[in-house]
Amino acid sequence: MLKFEPRWQQALDHLCERILQIRSAVGEQWPYHCDPATGEWDTTEDGDWCGGHWVECLRIVGELTGDQRLIDESAQRTERLRRYLERDDMFRGHRFYYSAARQFAWTGEAKYRTLALAAAWAVRSMAMPSNGGMPIGTQVQVRSTTLSGRDKVCVDNVHPNLILDWWAYRQTGDEAFAQGARRHLDLTYRDFVLADGSTIEFIDYDAESGRKLRHYTLLGAHDESCWSRGQSWAVAGYLRAWEALKDERYLAIGNKLLDYWMANTDETGVPPWDFKDPALETDRASVPLDTSAAAVVVEQLARMAVLPDLPPGAQAAVDRLQPMLDGLLQHLTPRPGVSDRSAGVLLDGCFNQPRRYANRSELIWGSAYLLFALYYLKTGRVVE
């Protein structure tokens, strides 16, 4: 296992301080992204797609600092999310994994297991019978976008749609979770992963026949582009599938996707918002980065880093963690040239570049995934 370096401890301390500052700033609301010019948080009333991430941030910081108030608030916010159990939304996977499933692991209270299992079955029921694809849902909630439907699948779905499958399969042994996840993983590899290891973002299917109708982008530069946060979900999703099933096919796919990532970033591993943005050829300095995409990959590599007896393919992926983590921390305050920010701010997150929405911001999920990664490395365990 990687030695937990003093610089990582310092970064973890700064992130914990930042979570406390954010909590004070947002009160009962849910943090979303912070305007770098004003330092003010944009909030939501229901957590939008990443409410579960905030729940787990509070729980982790409560554990590390011994502050029972934060642990209590994480439990209270989990209950506030319960009302969204029936929302037809792919992000129920994230919403209830990072809240209810993690609360069960932490407290052992049966009500959280019941809630997480109900969410797992609800998400699993979204699959298109014709091809096993996991759609985004008719009520999918992401501020700044309006796309929805049971016929639309995105490359992201190998992570938020499947994360509760792995937890529920481990809890119950019910093969429906593993088999359903395999169908979606195999569909995604066939239709979304290109020969060079890049990915496309969206595909519409004929829900009756399962036939592919068209592919396109919502958050990328153009329909043939490779949106880096989508690529990050794919990397993390396939490596997470290997972690759950120990299927070497998924490890190989995850490494192929990660190879493309590393070949198209600098030595820090922090990507441009889209790997195929035409502006990279003409004015690279003007192209936003996305630290939140890097944080998604780093979190999954950190999960794997604490596992014992890794096979060579998994170890090859984990060997990329330290330089990627250190590269990501170059964007965490304090840093040279940025003296007007609080410590623990993860800069350079890009939410929605096509709409110029929070495209150079502090994004709560980026901070969350970095916090999760450092927590795993410090404690030597992943809470499940």
Protein backbone atom coordinates (compact mmCIF):
# COMPACT_ATOMS: atom_id res chain seq x y z
CA MET A 1 0.00 0.00 0.00
CA LEU A 2 1.18 3.54 -0.74
CA LYS A 3 2.80 5.39 2.13
CA PHE A 4 0.55 8.28 3.18
CA GLU A 5 2.80 11.25 2.49
CA PRO A 6 2.93 14.38 4.70
CA ARG A 7 1.85 16.53 1.73
CA TRP A 8 -1.27 14.37 1.41
CA GLN A 9 -2.03 14.83 5.10
CA GLN A 10 -1.71 18.57 4.67
CA ALA A 11 -4.09 18.48 1.70
CA LEU A 12 -6.56 16.38 3.69
CA ASP A 13 -6.41 18.85 6.58
CA HIS A 14 -7.07 21.73 4.20
CA LEU A 15 -10.00 19.91 2.60
CA CYS A 16 -11.55 19.22 6.00
CA GLU A 17 -11.23 22.90 6.86
CA ARG A 18 -12.84 23.80 3.55
CA ILE A 19 -15.80 21.46 4.13
CA LEU A 20 -16.42 23.23 7.44
CA GLN A 21 -16.28 26.62 5.69
CA ILE A 22 -18.69 25.44 3.00
CA ARG A 23 -21.09 24.09 5.63
CA SER A 24 -21.09 27.45 7.37
CA ALA A 25 -21.68 29.26 4.07
CA VAL A 26 -24.58 27.14 2.77
CA GLY A 27 -26.50 26.34 5.97
CA GLU A 28 -29.47 24.07 5.24
CA GLN A 29 -28.96 24.32 1.48
CA TRP A 30 -26.79 21.97 -0.58
CA PRO A 31 -23.51 23.24 -2.09
CA TYR A 32 -23.08 22.97 -5.85
CA HIS A 33 -20.31 25.18 -7.20
CA CYS A 34 -18.45 28.27 -6.05
CA ASP A 35 -17.88 31.34 -8.21
CA PRO A 36 -14.13 31.97 -8.19
CA ALA A 37 -14.65 35.70 -8.66
CA THR A 38 -17.00 36.26 -5.72
CA GLY A 39 -16.31 33.26 -3.51
CA GLU A 40 -20.06 32.72 -3.17
CA TRP A 41 -21.65 29.28 -3.37
CA ASP A 42 -24.45 28.43 -5.76
CA THR A 43 -26.71 26.05 -3.84
CA THR A 44 -29.71 23.81 -4.43
CA GLU A 45 -32.64 22.86 -2.23
CA ASP A 46 -32.38 19.11 -2.89
CA GLY A 47 -28.73 18.38 -3.69
CA ASP A 48 -29.37 18.06 -7.42
CA TRP A 49 -27.36 15.08 -8.76
CA CYS A 50 -24.61 15.23 -6.11
CA GLY A 51 -26.44 15.51 -2.79
CA GLY A 52 -25.10 12.17 -1.66
CA HIS A 53 -21.56 13.41 -2.14
CA TRP A 54 -22.17 16.20 0.37
CA VAL A 55 -23.59 13.73 2.87
CA GLU A 56 -20.43 11.64 2.68
CA CYS A 57 -18.19 14.72 2.90
CA LEU A 58 -19.84 15.65 6.19
CA ARG A 59 -19.59 12.10 7.52
CA ILE A 60 -15.90 11.76 6.66
CA VAL A 61 -14.94 15.11 8.13
CA GLY A 62 -16.98 14.29 11.23
CA GLU A 63 -15.11 11.01 11.61
CA LEU A 64 -11.67 12.51 11.04
CA THR A 65 -12.21 15.48 13.35
CA GLY A 66 -14.34 13.74 15.96
CA ASP A 67 -17.15 16.25 15.44
CA GLN A 68 -20.38 14.38 16.19
CA ARG A 69 -22.45 17.29 14.88
CA LEU A 70 -21.24 16.60 11.35
CA ILE A 71 -21.98 12.90 11.65
CA ASP A 72 -25.48 13.71 12.91
CA GLU A 73 -26.04 16.14 10.06
CA SER A 74 -24.96 13.55 7.50
CA ALA A 75 -27.63 11.21 8.88
CA GLN A 76 -30.26 13.96 8.84
CA ARG A 77 -29.44 14.86 5.25
CA THR A 78 -29.71 11.20 4.25
CA GLU A 79 -33.29 11.29 5.53
CA ARG A 80 -33.91 14.46 3.54
CA LEU A 81 -32.95 12.58 0.36
CA ARG A 82 -35.41 9.74 1.04
CA ARG A 83 -38.22 11.60 -0.76
CA TYR A 84 -36.32 11.30 -4.05
CA LEU A 85 -36.30 7.50 -4.03
CA GLU A 86 -38.95 7.30 -6.77
CA ARG A 87 -37.49 10.02 -9.01
CA ASP A 88 -36.73 8.35 -12.37
CA ASP A 89 -33.14 9.51 -12.37
CA MET A 90 -29.86 7.71 -13.10
CA PHE A 91 -28.23 9.64 -10.29
CA ARG A 92 -30.24 7.78 -7.65
CA GLY A 93 -27.22 5.48 -7.70
CA HIS A 94 -24.88 8.20 -6.50
CA ARG A 95 -27.51 9.86 -4.34
CA PHE A 96 -28.21 6.77 -2.24
CA TYR A 97 -24.85 5.00 -2.40
CA TYR A 98 -22.95 7.92 -0.92
CA SER A 99 -25.70 8.54 1.62
CA ALA A 100 -27.75 5.50 2.65
CA ALA A 101 -25.28 2.72 1.80
CA ARG A 102 -22.39 4.55 3.44
CA GLN A 103 -24.56 5.39 6.46
CA PHE A 104 -25.37 1.71 6.87
CA ALA A 105 -21.69 0.81 6.75
CA TRP A 106 -20.94 3.46 9.35
CA THR A 107 -23.87 2.93 11.75
CA GLY A 108 -25.15 -0.58 11.04
CA GLU A 109 -28.72 0.76 11.22
CA ALA A 110 -31.08 -1.41 9.18
CA LYS A 111 -33.14 1.54 7.93
CA TYR A 112 -30.22 2.71 5.82
CA ARG A 113 -29.68 -0.72 4.32
CA THR A 114 -33.36 -0.89 3.45
CA LEU A 115 -33.25 2.53 1.80
CA ALA A 116 -30.12 1.73 -0.19
CA LEU A 117 -31.55 -1.61 -1.36
CA ALA A 118 -34.80 0.05 -2.40
CA ALA A 119 -32.77 2.52 -4.44
CA ALA A 120 -30.67 -0.29 -5.94
CA TRP A 121 -33.79 -2.10 -7.15
CA ALA A 122 -35.31 1.13 -8.43
CA VAL A 123 -32.21 1.93 -10.49
CA ARG A 124 -31.86 -1.66 -11.73
CA SER A 125 -35.48 -1.55 -12.94
CA MET A 126 -34.56 1.27 -15.34
CA ALA A 127 -32.71 -1.08 -17.71
CA MET A 128 -34.02 -1.36 -21.26
CA PRO A 129 -35.14 -5.01 -21.62
CA SER A 130 -34.10 -5.07 -25.27
CA ASN A 131 -30.38 -4.44 -24.75
CA GLY A 132 -29.70 -3.97 -21.04
CA GLY A 133 -28.75 -0.31 -21.45
CA MET A 134 -29.16 1.84 -18.35
CA PRO A 135 -30.80 5.13 -19.40
CA ILE A 136 -30.57 8.57 -17.87
CA GLY A 137 -34.26 8.55 -16.88
CA THR A 138 -37.29 10.73 -17.46
CA GLN A 139 -36.61 12.87 -14.38
CA VAL A 140 -32.83 13.04 -14.47
CA GLN A 141 -31.70 16.12 -12.62
CA VAL A 142 -28.61 18.10 -13.55
CA ARG A 143 -28.83 21.87 -13.41
CA SER A 144 -27.88 23.52 -16.73
CA THR A 145 -29.14 20.57 -18.82
CA THR A 146 -32.64 19.53 -19.89
CA LEU A 147 -32.14 16.21 -21.68
CA SER A 148 -34.13 13.25 -20.33
CA GLY A 149 -35.64 9.94 -21.41
CA ARG A 150 -35.66 6.18 -21.02
CA ASP A 151 -34.18 5.83 -24.53
CA LYS A 152 -31.03 7.88 -23.86
CA VAL A 153 -27.83 6.37 -22.52
CA CYS A 154 -24.62 8.24 -21.71
CA VAL A 155 -21.09 7.07 -21.14
CA ASP A 156 -21.37 8.22 -17.51
CA ASN A 157 -23.86 5.47 -16.72
CA VAL A 158 -21.24 2.81 -16.00
CA HIS A 159 -20.63 4.67 -12.73
CA PRO A 160 -23.77 6.30 -11.23
CA ASN A 161 -26.16 3.67 -12.60
CA LEU A 162 -24.07 0.70 -11.49
CA ILE A 163 -22.52 1.79 -8.19
CA LEU A 164 -25.48 0.47 -6.20
CA ASP A 165 -25.44 -2.78 -8.18
CA TRP A 166 -22.04 -3.62 -6.73
CA TRP A 167 -23.11 -2.74 -3.21
CA ALA A 168 -26.43 -4.61 -3.45
CA TYR A 169 -24.80 -7.67 -5.02
CA ARG A 170 -22.36 -7.81 -2.14
CA GLN A 171 -25.16 -7.35 0.39
CA THR A 172 -27.61 -9.88 -1.05
CA GLY A 173 -25.78 -12.18 -3.47
CA ASP A 174 -28.64 -11.64 -5.92
CA GLU A 175 -27.27 -12.31 -9.40
CA ALA A 176 -29.76 -9.86 -10.95
CA PHE A 177 -27.48 -7.03 -9.90
CA ALA A 178 -24.31 -8.52 -11.38
CA GLN A 179 -25.99 -9.78 -14.54
CA GLY A 180 -27.74 -6.48 -15.16
CA ALA A 181 -24.53 -4.56 -14.63
CA ARG A 182 -22.67 -6.86 -17.04
CA ARG A 183 -25.23 -6.24 -19.77
CA HIS A 184 -24.80 -2.50 -19.49
CA LEU A 185 -21.00 -2.69 -19.29
CA ASP A 186 -20.84 -4.84 -22.39
CA LEU A 187 -23.23 -2.57 -24.29
CA THR A 188 -21.17 0.47 -23.33
CA TYR A 189 -17.93 -1.11 -24.50
CA ARG A 190 -19.50 -2.10 -27.81
CA ASP A 191 -21.17 1.23 -28.55
CA PHE A 192 -19.34 3.96 -26.64
CA VAL A 193 -15.65 2.99 -26.47
CA LEU A 194 -13.70 3.71 -29.65
CA ALA A 195 -10.68 1.83 -30.94
CA ASP A 196 -8.22 4.40 -29.59
CA GLY A 197 -9.70 4.22 -26.07
CA SER A 198 -11.68 7.46 -26.28
CA THR A 199 -15.43 7.57 -25.72
CA ILE A 200 -18.53 9.23 -27.13
CA GLU A 201 -21.01 10.82 -24.77
CA PHE A 202 -24.64 10.02 -25.73
CA ILE A 203 -26.55 7.43 -27.74
CA ASP A 204 -30.28 7.28 -28.38
CA TYR A 205 -31.69 3.76 -28.79
CA ASP A 206 -34.96 2.38 -30.03
CA ALA A 207 -36.18 1.12 -26.67
CA GLU A 208 -38.29 -1.63 -28.25
CA SER A 209 -35.63 -3.23 -30.44
CA GLY A 210 -32.49 -1.98 -28.69
CA ARG A 211 -31.20 -0.63 -32.01
CA LYS A 212 -28.78 2.30 -31.90
CA LEU A 213 -30.27 5.41 -33.52
CA ARG A 214 -27.71 8.19 -33.20
CA HIS A 215 -24.81 9.42 -31.11
CA TYR A 216 -24.15 12.99 -30.02
CA THR A 217 -22.82 15.17 -27.23
CA LEU A 218 -24.48 17.35 -24.61
CA LEU A 219 -21.48 18.54 -22.60
CA GLY A 220 -18.67 17.99 -25.09
CA ALA A 221 -17.19 20.13 -27.86
CA HIS A 222 -18.86 18.33 -30.79
CA ASP A 223 -20.60 15.05 -31.55
CA GLU A 224 -17.34 13.21 -32.30
CA SER A 225 -15.53 14.66 -29.28
CA CYS A 226 -14.39 13.05 -26.04
CA TRP A 227 -15.71 14.93 -23.02
CA SER A 228 -13.18 14.31 -20.28
CA ARG A 229 -15.59 13.92 -17.36
CA GLY A 230 -17.45 11.30 -19.38
CA GLN A 231 -14.12 9.57 -19.96
CA SER A 232 -13.42 9.75 -16.22
CA TRP A 233 -16.72 8.03 -15.36
CA ALA A 234 -15.87 5.33 -17.89
CA VAL A 235 -12.38 4.78 -16.44
CA ALA A 236 -13.71 4.65 -12.89
CA GLY A 237 -16.77 2.59 -13.86
CA TYR A 238 -14.86 -0.22 -15.53
CA LEU A 239 -12.19 -0.34 -12.85
CA ARG A 240 -14.95 -0.42 -10.24
CA ALA A 241 -16.55 -3.31 -12.14
CA TRP A 242 -13.25 -5.19 -11.99
CA GLU A 243 -13.04 -4.45 -8.27
CA ALA A 244 -16.50 -5.95 -7.72
CA LEU A 245 -16.32 -8.97 -10.05
CA LYS A 246 -12.57 -9.52 -10.60
CA ASP A 247 -13.38 -9.93 -14.31
CA GLU A 248 -10.17 -9.29 -16.24
CA ARG A 249 -12.13 -8.00 -19.25
CA TYR A 250 -13.29 -4.98 -17.31
CA LEU A 251 -9.81 -4.35 -15.96
CA ALA A 252 -8.46 -4.41 -19.51
CA ILE A 253 -11.12 -1.94 -20.67
CA GLY A 254 -10.45 0.35 -17.72
CA ASN A 255 -6.74 0.32 -18.51
CA LYS A 256 -7.41 1.02 -22.19
CA LEU A 257 -9.50 4.05 -21.24
CA LEU A 258 -6.85 5.17 -18.76
CA ASP A 259 -4.12 4.78 -21.40
CA TYR A 260 -5.99 7.21 -23.64
CA TRP A 261 -6.35 9.60 -20.72
CA MET A 262 -2.65 9.59 -19.88
CA ALA A 263 -1.62 9.92 -23.53
CA ASN A 264 -3.71 13.08 -23.85
CA THR A 265 -2.84 14.97 -20.67
CA ASP A 266 0.37 16.52 -19.45
CA GLU A 267 2.45 15.06 -16.65
CA THR A 268 -0.09 16.18 -14.02
CA GLY A 269 -2.87 14.01 -15.44
CA VAL A 270 -5.40 16.89 -15.19
CA PRO A 271 -7.29 16.89 -18.50
CA PRO A 272 -8.75 19.58 -20.70
CA TRP A 273 -12.53 19.70 -20.42
CA ASP A 274 -12.72 17.85 -23.77
CA PHE A 275 -9.86 15.82 -25.20
CA LYS A 276 -10.91 16.70 -28.75
CA ASP A 277 -11.71 20.40 -28.40
CA PRO A 278 -10.44 21.94 -31.67
CA ALA A 279 -9.06 24.89 -29.70
CA LEU A 280 -6.38 22.59 -28.27
CA GLU A 281 -4.65 22.84 -31.64
CA THR A 282 -4.80 26.63 -31.92
CA ASP A 283 -4.96 28.16 -28.43
CA ARG A 284 -4.42 25.48 -25.80
CA ALA A 285 -3.96 28.00 -22.99
CA SER A 286 -7.55 29.20 -23.42
CA VAL A 287 -9.06 25.72 -23.02
CA PRO A 288 -10.49 25.06 -19.53
CA LEU A 289 -9.22 22.14 -17.50
CA ASP A 290 -11.48 19.90 -15.43
CA THR A 291 -10.01 18.95 -12.07
CA SER A 292 -13.29 17.27 -11.14
CA ALA A 293 -12.74 14.75 -13.93
CA ALA A 294 -9.26 13.99 -12.62
CA ALA A 295 -10.66 13.61 -9.09
CA VAL A 296 -13.11 10.92 -10.27
CA VAL A 297 -10.23 8.83 -11.63
CA VAL A 298 -8.01 9.47 -8.61
CA GLU A 299 -10.79 8.33 -6.25
CA GLN A 300 -11.15 4.98 -8.01
CA LEU A 301 -7.39 4.41 -8.16
CA ALA A 302 -7.21 5.16 -4.43
CA ARG A 303 -9.94 2.56 -3.80
CA MET A 304 -7.82 -0.01 -5.60
CA ALA A 305 -4.60 1.09 -3.90
CA VAL A 306 -5.82 -0.14 -0.50
CA LEU A 307 -6.74 -3.60 -1.82
CA PRO A 308 -4.34 -6.47 -1.04
CA ASP A 309 -2.56 -8.65 -3.61
CA LEU A 310 -3.32 -6.72 -6.78
CA PRO A 311 -2.77 -8.58 -10.08
CA PRO A 312 -0.35 -6.96 -12.56
CA GLY A 313 -3.06 -5.18 -14.58
CA ALA A 314 -4.56 -3.60 -11.47
CA GLN A 315 -1.15 -2.68 -10.10
CA ALA A 316 -0.32 -0.98 -13.41
CA ALA A 317 -3.39 1.23 -12.95
CA VAL A 318 -2.57 1.98 -9.31
CA ASP A 319 1.00 2.90 -10.27
CA ARG A 320 -0.50 5.94 -11.96
CA LEU A 321 -2.16 7.16 -8.77
CA GLN A 322 0.70 8.99 -7.07
CA PRO A 323 1.63 11.28 -10.00
CA MET A 324 -2.05 11.92 -10.75
CA LEU A 325 -2.84 12.75 -7.13
CA ASP A 326 0.16 15.05 -6.84
CA GLY A 327 -0.78 16.68 -10.14
CA LEU A 328 -4.32 17.28 -8.90
CA LEU A 329 -3.02 18.79 -5.66
CA GLN A 330 -1.24 21.45 -7.71
CA HIS A 331 -4.74 22.89 -8.19
CA LEU A 332 -5.59 22.85 -4.47
CA THR A 333 -5.08 26.05 -2.49
CA PRO A 334 -2.86 27.33 -1.07
CA ARG A 335 -0.67 27.38 -4.16
CA PRO A 336 1.81 29.84 -5.65
CA GLY A 337 0.17 32.78 -7.37
CA VAL A 338 -3.20 32.26 -5.66
CA SER A 339 -3.18 34.18 -2.40
CA ASP A 340 -6.80 35.34 -2.19
CA ARG A 341 -8.42 31.93 -1.64
CA SER A 342 -9.11 29.94 1.49
CA ALA A 343 -7.08 26.76 1.90
CA GLY A 344 -8.61 23.58 0.49
CA VAL A 345 -10.22 25.07 -2.62
CA LEU A 346 -9.93 22.74 -5.62
CA LEU A 347 -9.64 25.16 -8.52
CA ASP A 348 -10.22 24.68 -12.25
CA GLY A 349 -13.34 22.54 -12.30
CA CYS A 350 -15.38 22.69 -15.50
CA PHE A 351 -19.08 21.90 -15.17
CA ASN A 352 -20.60 22.88 -18.54
CA GLN A 353 -18.28 24.54 -21.04
CA PRO A 354 -20.78 24.69 -23.97
CA ARG A 355 -23.02 26.90 -21.83
CA ARG A 356 -20.12 28.60 -20.06
CA TYR A 357 -21.73 27.48 -16.82
CA ALA A 358 -19.38 27.06 -13.84
CA ASN A 359 -16.63 26.28 -16.32
CA ARG A 360 -13.71 27.50 -14.17
CA SER A 361 -15.06 26.85 -10.69
CA GLU A 362 -14.81 24.98 -7.43
CA LEU A 363 -17.19 22.05 -7.91
CA ILE A 364 -18.48 20.17 -4.88
CA TRP A 365 -18.12 16.74 -6.48
CA GLY A 366 -14.51 17.43 -7.42
CA SER A 367 -13.70 18.31 -3.82
CA ALA A 368 -15.69 15.27 -2.65
CA TYR A 369 -13.82 12.76 -4.80
CA LEU A 370 -10.46 14.18 -3.77
CA LEU A 371 -11.53 14.00 -0.12
CA PHE A 372 -12.68 10.39 -0.57
CA ALA A 373 -9.38 9.42 -2.19
CA LEU A 374 -7.26 10.92 0.59
CA TYR A 375 -9.53 9.32 3.21
CA TYR A 376 -9.03 5.85 1.71
CA LEU A 377 -5.26 6.30 1.55
CA LYS A 378 -5.05 7.60 5.11
CA THR A 379 -7.27 4.97 6.71
CA GLY A 380 -6.29 2.08 4.43
CA ARG A 381 -9.93 1.15 3.87
CA VAL A 382 -12.99 1.93 1.80
CA VAL A 383 -16.28 2.24 3.67
CA GLU A 384 -18.87 0.03 1.92
